[in-house]
Amino acid sequence: MLAIADREFQAIQDEDERLTREARKSVQEGKLEQVEITPDALKTYLDSKLGADGRMANWSYEYTAGILRRLGFTDFKQIDECIAGYDDDILSRTLSGTRQGQITRFEVLLLAGMGENYIKSHPWHNSDWFVKSRTLDLKKFEEKGIKTACYLPPANETSFQ
């Protein structure tokens, strides 16, 4: 029985590694609609989009992937559509005066691409500090002439109708 269980576990592990390799390859090839939002795929996407950042811990990608799913994103094509046209470095410097880390720059890209929808859809939307902080960030964008959008992932569109 142990040998059978060991073989089954190994088969599951091999399949998981295969899926991870395929997701990385799809991101690198720009086949973003084929890539499920997982921590590893997110890291691969952000490394290619924003540049690698060795300071990021694996749990950061796990947490952020969960946020993305909660916001209604189901694949990286949607994320790419949301943040298209925005410069992570300019947005980061507008809000903080300096270039922030990869995940923070990604979050400000989402804020710019989704605008108020980011605040309303975010898991922390009931936290006063979060709403006030992100609303202030949107005002800073406006003051600097940065137009924000109101992207809403298809999985989340019915929430606001």
C-alpha atoms as a PDB file:
ATOM      1  CA  MET A   1       0.000   0.000   0.000  1.00  0.00           C
ATOM      2  CA  LEU A   2       2.808   2.405   0.829  1.00  0.00           C
ATOM      3  CA  ALA A   3       4.428   1.806  -2.560  1.00  0.00           C
ATOM      4  CA  ILE A   4       1.149   2.535  -4.346  1.00  0.00           C
ATOM      5  CA  ALA A   5       0.586   5.670  -2.302  1.00  0.00           C
ATOM      6  CA  ASP A   6       4.157   6.779  -2.983  1.00  0.00           C
ATOM      7  CA  ARG A   7       3.698   6.297  -6.754  1.00  0.00           C
ATOM      8  CA  GLU A   8       0.409   8.225  -6.678  1.00  0.00           C
ATOM      9  CA  PHE A   9       1.980  11.079  -4.724  1.00  0.00           C
ATOM     10  CA  GLN A  10       4.908  11.178  -7.156  1.00  0.00           C
ATOM     11  CA  ALA A  11       2.503  11.272 -10.125  1.00  0.00           C
ATOM     12  CA  ILE A  12       0.634  14.197  -8.580  1.00  0.00           C
ATOM     13  CA  GLN A  13       3.896  16.026  -7.895  1.00  0.00           C
ATOM     14  CA  ASP A  14       5.132  15.385 -11.457  1.00  0.00           C
ATOM     15  CA  GLU A  15       1.854  16.713 -12.903  1.00  0.00           C
ATOM     16  CA  ASP A  16       2.066  19.821 -10.737  1.00  0.00           C
ATOM     17  CA  GLU A  17       5.617  20.504 -11.931  1.00  0.00           C
ATOM     18  CA  ARG A  18       4.524  20.018 -15.556  1.00  0.00           C
ATOM     19  CA  LEU A  19       1.655  22.479 -15.129  1.00  0.00           C
ATOM     20  CA  THR A  20       3.994  25.013 -13.518  1.00  0.00           C
ATOM     21  CA  ARG A  21       6.451  24.735 -16.442  1.00  0.00           C
ATOM     22  CA  GLU A  22       3.622  25.130 -18.963  1.00  0.00           C
ATOM     23  CA  ALA A  23       2.266  28.208 -17.166  1.00  0.00           C
ATOM     24  CA  ARG A  24       5.718  29.824 -17.118  1.00  0.00           C
ATOM     25  CA  LYS A  25       6.153  29.094 -20.816  1.00  0.00           C
ATOM     26  CA  SER A  26       2.705  30.514 -21.662  1.00  0.00           C
ATOM     27  CA  VAL A  27       3.462  33.739 -19.760  1.00  0.00           C
ATOM     28  CA  GLN A  28       6.817  34.096 -21.518  1.00  0.00           C
ATOM     29  CA  GLU A  29       5.140  33.513 -24.897  1.00  0.00           C
ATOM     30  CA  GLY A  30       2.395  36.026 -24.146  1.00  0.00           C
ATOM     31  CA  LYS A  31      -0.395  33.426 -24.123  1.00  0.00           C
ATOM     32  CA  LEU A  32      -1.858  35.083 -21.055  1.00  0.00           C
ATOM     33  CA  GLU A  33      -5.472  33.942 -21.434  1.00  0.00           C
ATOM     34  CA  GLN A  34      -4.254  30.380 -20.925  1.00  0.00           C
ATOM     35  CA  VAL A  35      -2.615  31.029 -17.585  1.00  0.00           C
ATOM     36  CA  GLU A  36      -4.476  30.547 -14.311  1.00  0.00           C
ATOM     37  CA  ILE A  37      -3.585  32.987 -11.556  1.00  0.00           C
ATOM     38  CA  THR A  38      -1.223  31.110  -9.256  1.00  0.00           C
ATOM     39  CA  PRO A  39       1.643  32.442  -7.125  1.00  0.00           C
ATOM     40  CA  ASP A  40       4.306  30.987  -9.441  1.00  0.00           C
ATOM     41  CA  ALA A  41       2.604  32.296 -12.595  1.00  0.00           C
ATOM     42  CA  LEU A  42       2.217  35.712 -10.953  1.00  0.00           C
ATOM     43  CA  LYS A  43       5.924  35.836 -10.132  1.00  0.00           C
ATOM     44  CA  THR A  44       6.794  34.883 -13.708  1.00  0.00           C
ATOM     45  CA  TYR A  45       4.396  37.514 -15.076  1.00  0.00           C
ATOM     46  CA  LEU A  46       5.655  40.291 -12.796  1.00  0.00           C
ATOM     47  CA  ASP A  47       9.298  39.396 -13.381  1.00  0.00           C
ATOM     48  CA  SER A  48       8.763  39.741 -17.128  1.00  0.00           C
ATOM     49  CA  LYS A  49       6.517  42.818 -16.890  1.00  0.00           C
ATOM     50  CA  LEU A  50       8.174  44.821 -14.090  1.00  0.00           C
ATOM     51  CA  GLY A  51      11.576  43.196 -13.724  1.00  0.00           C
ATOM     52  CA  ALA A  52      12.668  40.652 -11.158  1.00  0.00           C
ATOM     53  CA  ASP A  53      12.783  41.692  -7.527  1.00  0.00           C
ATOM     54  CA  GLY A  54      14.708  39.322  -5.302  1.00  0.00           C
ATOM     55  CA  ARG A  55      13.293  40.977  -2.171  1.00  0.00           C
ATOM     56  CA  MET A  56       9.854  39.431  -2.703  1.00  0.00           C
ATOM     57  CA  ALA A  57       9.021  36.377  -0.608  1.00  0.00           C
ATOM     58  CA  ASN A  58       6.926  33.510  -1.968  1.00  0.00           C
ATOM     59  CA  TRP A  59       4.099  34.338   0.436  1.00  0.00           C
ATOM     60  CA  SER A  60       3.858  37.794  -1.202  1.00  0.00           C
ATOM     61  CA  TYR A  61       2.943  36.148  -4.494  1.00  0.00           C
ATOM     62  CA  GLU A  62       0.536  33.770  -2.756  1.00  0.00           C
ATOM     63  CA  TYR A  63      -1.216  36.638  -1.028  1.00  0.00           C
ATOM     64  CA  THR A  64      -1.339  38.841  -4.135  1.00  0.00           C
ATOM     65  CA  ALA A  65      -2.663  35.981  -6.304  1.00  0.00           C
ATOM     66  CA  GLY A  66      -5.493  35.608  -3.781  1.00  0.00           C
ATOM     67  CA  ILE A  67      -6.219  39.346  -3.971  1.00  0.00           C
ATOM     68  CA  LEU A  68      -6.342  39.163  -7.772  1.00  0.00           C
ATOM     69  CA  ARG A  69      -8.865  36.330  -7.674  1.00  0.00           C
ATOM     70  CA  ARG A  70     -10.923  38.265  -5.129  1.00  0.00           C
ATOM     71  CA  LEU A  71     -10.870  41.294  -7.426  1.00  0.00           C
ATOM     72  CA  GLY A  72     -12.408  39.046 -10.082  1.00  0.00           C
ATOM     73  CA  PHE A  73      -9.428  38.300 -12.317  1.00  0.00           C
ATOM     74  CA  THR A  74      -9.309  34.798 -13.782  1.00  0.00           C
ATOM     75  CA  ASP A  75      -6.318  35.032 -16.128  1.00  0.00           C
ATOM     76  CA  PHE A  76      -3.341  37.217 -16.942  1.00  0.00           C
ATOM     77  CA  LYS A  77      -4.822  38.577 -20.159  1.00  0.00           C
ATOM     78  CA  GLN A  78      -7.399  40.423 -18.042  1.00  0.00           C
ATOM     79  CA  ILE A  79      -4.647  41.779 -15.804  1.00  0.00           C
ATOM     80  CA  ASP A  80      -2.669  42.889 -18.848  1.00  0.00           C
ATOM     81  CA  GLU A  81      -5.746  44.705 -20.220  1.00  0.00           C
ATOM     82  CA  CYS A  82      -6.320  46.401 -16.869  1.00  0.00           C
ATOM     83  CA  ILE A  83      -2.823  47.834 -16.485  1.00  0.00           C
ATOM     84  CA  ALA A  84      -2.105  48.552 -20.170  1.00  0.00           C
ATOM     85  CA  GLY A  85      -0.753  52.022 -20.800  1.00  0.00           C
ATOM     86  CA  TYR A  86       0.400  52.704 -17.254  1.00  0.00           C
ATOM     87  CA  ASP A  87       4.028  53.089 -16.172  1.00  0.00           C
ATOM     88  CA  ASP A  88       4.697  51.416 -12.831  1.00  0.00           C
ATOM     89  CA  ASP A  89       7.714  53.603 -12.126  1.00  0.00           C
ATOM     90  CA  ILE A  90       5.835  56.883 -12.697  1.00  0.00           C
ATOM     91  CA  LEU A  91       2.889  55.730 -10.593  1.00  0.00           C
ATOM     92  CA  SER A  92       5.158  54.571  -7.783  1.00  0.00           C
ATOM     93  CA  ARG A  93       7.115  57.820  -7.740  1.00  0.00           C
ATOM     94  CA  THR A  94       3.889  59.847  -7.868  1.00  0.00           C
ATOM     95  CA  LEU A  95       2.596  58.211  -4.702  1.00  0.00           C
ATOM     96  CA  SER A  96       5.750  57.689  -2.686  1.00  0.00           C
ATOM     97  CA  GLY A  97       8.453  59.822  -4.253  1.00  0.00           C
ATOM     98  CA  THR A  98      10.555  56.778  -5.005  1.00  0.00           C
ATOM     99  CA  ARG A  99      10.510  53.476  -6.880  1.00  0.00           C
ATOM    100  CA  GLN A 100       8.831  50.887  -4.689  1.00  0.00           C
ATOM    101  CA  GLY A 101       9.148  47.092  -4.779  1.00  0.00           C
ATOM    102  CA  GLN A 102       7.610  44.900  -7.447  1.00  0.00           C
ATOM    103  CA  ILE A 103       4.380  43.996  -5.610  1.00  0.00           C
ATOM    104  CA  THR A 104       3.718  47.581  -4.516  1.00  0.00           C
ATOM    105  CA  ARG A 105       4.262  48.848  -8.050  1.00  0.00           C
ATOM    106  CA  PHE A 106       1.895  46.169  -9.321  1.00  0.00           C
ATOM    107  CA  GLU A 107      -0.743  47.198  -6.785  1.00  0.00           C
ATOM    108  CA  VAL A 108      -0.563  50.835  -7.912  1.00  0.00           C
ATOM    109  CA  LEU A 109      -0.916  49.683 -11.517  1.00  0.00           C
ATOM    110  CA  LEU A 110      -4.112  47.877 -10.512  1.00  0.00           C
ATOM    111  CA  LEU A 111      -5.335  50.949  -8.638  1.00  0.00           C
ATOM    112  CA  ALA A 112      -4.764  53.133 -11.700  1.00  0.00           C
ATOM    113  CA  GLY A 113      -6.348  50.611 -14.047  1.00  0.00           C
ATOM    114  CA  MET A 114      -9.387  49.901 -11.891  1.00  0.00           C
ATOM    115  CA  GLY A 115      -9.824  53.214 -10.085  1.00  0.00           C
ATOM    116  CA  GLU A 116     -12.692  53.134  -7.579  1.00  0.00           C
ATOM    117  CA  ASN A 117     -13.442  49.537  -8.603  1.00  0.00           C
ATOM    118  CA  TYR A 118     -10.143  48.498  -7.013  1.00  0.00           C
ATOM    119  CA  ILE A 119     -11.215  49.978  -3.702  1.00  0.00           C
ATOM    120  CA  LYS A 120     -14.751  48.548  -3.858  1.00  0.00           C
ATOM    121  CA  SER A 121     -13.616  45.039  -4.866  1.00  0.00           C
ATOM    122  CA  HIS A 122     -10.577  44.727  -2.607  1.00  0.00           C
ATOM    123  CA  PRO A 123     -10.845  42.430   0.435  1.00  0.00           C
ATOM    124  CA  TRP A 124     -10.029  45.419   2.669  1.00  0.00           C
ATOM    125  CA  HIS A 125     -12.859  47.579   1.252  1.00  0.00           C
ATOM    126  CA  ASN A 126     -14.472  47.694   4.713  1.00  0.00           C
ATOM    127  CA  SER A 127     -11.347  49.097   6.364  1.00  0.00           C
ATOM    128  CA  ASP A 128     -11.480  52.877   6.734  1.00  0.00           C
ATOM    129  CA  TRP A 129      -7.697  53.253   6.591  1.00  0.00           C
ATOM    130  CA  PHE A 130      -7.541  51.332   3.290  1.00  0.00           C
ATOM    131  CA  VAL A 131     -10.377  53.272   1.638  1.00  0.00           C
ATOM    132  CA  LYS A 132      -8.961  56.636   2.774  1.00  0.00           C
ATOM    133  CA  SER A 133      -5.431  55.751   1.704  1.00  0.00           C
ATOM    134  CA  ARG A 134      -6.390  54.469  -1.763  1.00  0.00           C
ATOM    135  CA  THR A 135      -8.807  57.377  -2.308  1.00  0.00           C
ATOM    136  CA  LEU A 136      -5.972  59.778  -1.492  1.00  0.00           C
ATOM    137  CA  ASP A 137      -3.757  57.891  -3.962  1.00  0.00           C
ATOM    138  CA  LEU A 138      -6.387  58.347  -6.690  1.00  0.00           C
ATOM    139  CA  LYS A 139      -6.496  62.082  -5.902  1.00  0.00           C
ATOM    140  CA  LYS A 140      -2.695  62.288  -6.192  1.00  0.00           C
ATOM    141  CA  PHE A 141      -2.919  60.659  -9.629  1.00  0.00           C
ATOM    142  CA  GLU A 142      -5.561  63.205 -10.646  1.00  0.00           C
ATOM    143  CA  GLU A 143      -3.464  66.118  -9.358  1.00  0.00           C
ATOM    144  CA  LYS A 144      -0.507  64.911 -11.439  1.00  0.00           C
ATOM    145  CA  GLY A 145      -2.684  64.559 -14.548  1.00  0.00           C
ATOM    146  CA  ILE A 146      -2.688  60.769 -14.502  1.00  0.00           C
ATOM    147  CA  LYS A 147      -6.031  59.540 -15.755  1.00  0.00           C
ATOM    148  CA  THR A 148      -7.278  56.433 -13.996  1.00  0.00           C
ATOM    149  CA  ALA A 149      -9.594  53.896 -15.575  1.00  0.00           C
ATOM    150  CA  CYS A 150     -12.460  51.823 -14.214  1.00  0.00           C
ATOM    151  CA  TYR A 151     -11.552  48.335 -15.432  1.00  0.00           C
ATOM    152  CA  LEU A 152     -13.672  45.598 -13.932  1.00  0.00           C
ATOM    153  CA  PRO A 153     -12.769  41.956 -14.581  1.00  0.00           C
ATOM    154  CA  PRO A 154     -15.590  39.996 -16.254  1.00  0.00           C
ATOM    155  CA  ALA A 155     -15.950  37.727 -13.198  1.00  0.00           C
ATOM    156  CA  ASN A 156     -16.694  40.788 -11.072  1.00  0.00           C
ATOM    157  CA  GLU A 157     -18.884  42.821 -13.452  1.00  0.00           C
ATOM    158  CA  THR A 158     -22.161  41.529 -12.042  1.00  0.00           C
ATOM    159  CA  SER A 159     -21.198  42.674  -8.541  1.00  0.00           C
ATOM    160  CA  PHE A 160     -21.608  46.321  -9.511  1.00  0.00           C
ATOM    161  CA  GLN A 161     -24.689  46.207 -11.734  1.00  0.00           C
END
